[in-house]
């Protein structure tokens, strides 16, 4: 399976949609997509992983880096739509208790909007 990533920004929230495998070859692309949003005036970043079939340790490291940036810049950072494979990877590393994880992007967007009122 190939790798695709696209992003958009609406109402102060960035949405990053990822499809395919996040590994040592593709995680730099995810990093390059995420980084600019931490420098912009957005309230939160939602990473939709519902179409990710595999993620290795470099993908996990990229998400951890995003979480660190979010704390430094005081922005919400939410992972959404995790499939079983991705959730298990985070669970094995105990990171499922560190990240904010929502069932899907709608729930994540609602959570950011509700939390910022």
Protein backbone atom coordinates (compact mmCIF):
# COMPACT_ATOMS: atom_id res chain seq x y z
CA UNK A 1 0.00 0.00 0.00
CA UNK A 2 1.22 3.48 -0.82
CA UNK A 3 1.42 6.47 1.45
CA UNK A 4 -0.71 9.58 1.16
CA UNK A 5 -1.01 12.57 3.38
CA UNK A 6 -3.09 15.69 3.05
CA UNK A 7 -3.93 18.48 5.39
CA UNK A 8 -6.35 21.32 5.73
CA UNK A 9 -7.10 24.10 8.18
CA UNK A 10 -10.52 25.39 9.14
CA UNK A 11 -11.70 27.55 12.04
CA UNK A 12 -8.33 27.39 13.77
CA UNK A 13 -8.04 23.61 13.65
CA UNK A 14 -5.66 21.65 11.44
CA UNK A 15 -6.74 18.27 10.12
CA UNK A 16 -4.05 15.90 8.86
CA UNK A 17 -5.30 12.80 7.04
CA UNK A 18 -2.84 9.95 6.67
CA UNK A 19 -3.28 6.85 4.52
CA UNK A 20 -1.05 3.80 4.15
CA UNK A 21 1.99 2.79 6.15
CA UNK A 22 3.91 5.10 8.45
CA UNK A 23 7.46 3.81 8.61
CA UNK A 24 11.03 5.06 8.49
CA UNK A 25 10.56 6.09 4.85
CA UNK A 26 7.25 7.94 5.24
CA UNK A 27 7.42 9.33 8.79
CA UNK A 28 9.59 12.30 7.67
CA UNK A 29 6.69 13.31 5.38
CA UNK A 30 4.31 13.23 8.34
CA UNK A 31 6.76 15.29 10.40
CA UNK A 32 7.11 17.85 7.60
CA UNK A 33 3.32 18.14 7.36
CA UNK A 34 2.77 18.51 11.11
CA UNK A 35 5.56 20.97 11.95
CA UNK A 36 4.16 24.09 10.21
CA UNK A 37 0.87 23.80 12.11
CA UNK A 38 2.66 24.20 15.43
CA UNK A 39 4.05 27.51 14.21
CA UNK A 40 0.65 28.76 12.95
CA UNK A 41 -2.15 30.21 15.01
CA UNK A 42 -4.23 27.04 15.27
CA UNK A 43 -5.90 25.85 18.45
CA UNK A 44 -5.46 22.21 17.70
CA UNK A 45 -4.18 19.55 15.35
CA UNK A 46 -6.18 16.39 14.61
CA UNK A 47 -4.31 13.51 12.99
CA UNK A 48 -6.73 11.10 11.30
CA UNK A 49 -5.11 7.67 11.27
CA UNK A 50 -8.20 5.70 10.22
CA UNK A 51 -6.62 4.68 6.90
CA UNK A 52 -3.22 3.78 8.33
CA UNK A 53 -2.56 0.06 7.99
CA UNK A 54 0.84 -0.10 9.73
CA UNK A 55 3.02 2.10 11.91
CA UNK A 56 6.53 1.32 13.09
CA UNK A 57 8.63 2.92 15.82
CA UNK A 58 9.64 5.85 13.61
CA UNK A 59 5.96 6.69 13.10
CA UNK A 60 5.37 6.50 16.83
CA UNK A 61 8.40 8.73 17.40
CA UNK A 62 6.99 11.29 14.96
CA UNK A 63 3.68 11.37 16.85
CA UNK A 64 5.52 11.72 20.17
CA UNK A 65 7.46 14.62 18.68
CA UNK A 66 4.14 16.19 17.64
CA UNK A 67 2.85 15.77 21.18
CA UNK A 68 5.96 17.48 22.55
CA UNK A 69 5.55 20.38 20.10
CA UNK A 70 1.90 20.70 21.09
CA UNK A 71 2.75 20.99 24.77
CA UNK A 72 5.47 23.54 24.04
CA UNK A 73 3.13 25.64 21.86
CA UNK A 74 0.05 25.05 24.06
CA UNK A 75 -2.03 23.46 21.29
CA UNK A 76 -4.35 20.47 21.36
CA UNK A 77 -2.98 17.37 19.61
CA UNK A 78 -5.46 14.59 18.99
CA UNK A 79 -5.16 11.24 17.26
CA UNK A 80 -8.38 10.05 15.67
CA UNK A 81 -9.76 6.91 14.08
CA UNK A 82 -7.04 4.52 15.17
CA UNK A 83 -7.40 1.06 13.70
CA UNK A 84 -6.53 -2.01 15.71
CA UNK A 85 -2.95 -2.24 14.39
CA UNK A 86 -2.08 1.38 15.21
CA UNK A 87 -3.86 1.28 18.56
CA UNK A 88 -1.99 -1.91 19.50
CA UNK A 89 1.34 -0.27 18.61
CA UNK A 90 0.54 2.66 20.93
CA UNK A 91 -0.85 0.35 23.59
CA UNK A 92 2.26 -1.84 23.65
CA UNK A 93 4.37 1.23 24.32
CA UNK A 94 1.84 2.54 26.90
CA UNK A 95 1.39 5.67 24.81
CA UNK A 96 -2.34 5.11 24.50
CA UNK A 97 -2.51 6.67 27.97
CA UNK A 98 -0.37 9.65 26.95
CA UNK A 99 -2.09 10.78 23.74
CA UNK A 100 -5.58 12.18 23.47
CA UNK A 101 -7.32 9.60 21.28
CA UNK A 102 -10.81 9.99 19.84
CA UNK A 103 -12.94 7.54 17.85
CA UNK A 104 -13.06 9.68 14.71
CA UNK A 105 -12.33 13.16 13.40
CA UNK A 106 -15.83 14.47 14.11
CA UNK A 107 -15.52 13.54 17.79
CA UNK A 108 -12.01 15.06 17.88
CA UNK A 109 -13.15 18.32 16.26
CA UNK A 110 -16.15 18.54 18.60
CA UNK A 111 -13.84 17.94 21.57
CA UNK A 112 -11.50 20.79 20.55
CA UNK A 113 -14.41 23.16 19.94
CA UNK A 114 -16.14 22.26 23.20
CA UNK A 115 -12.91 22.50 25.18
CA UNK A 116 -12.07 25.97 23.87
CA UNK A 117 -15.40 27.61 24.76
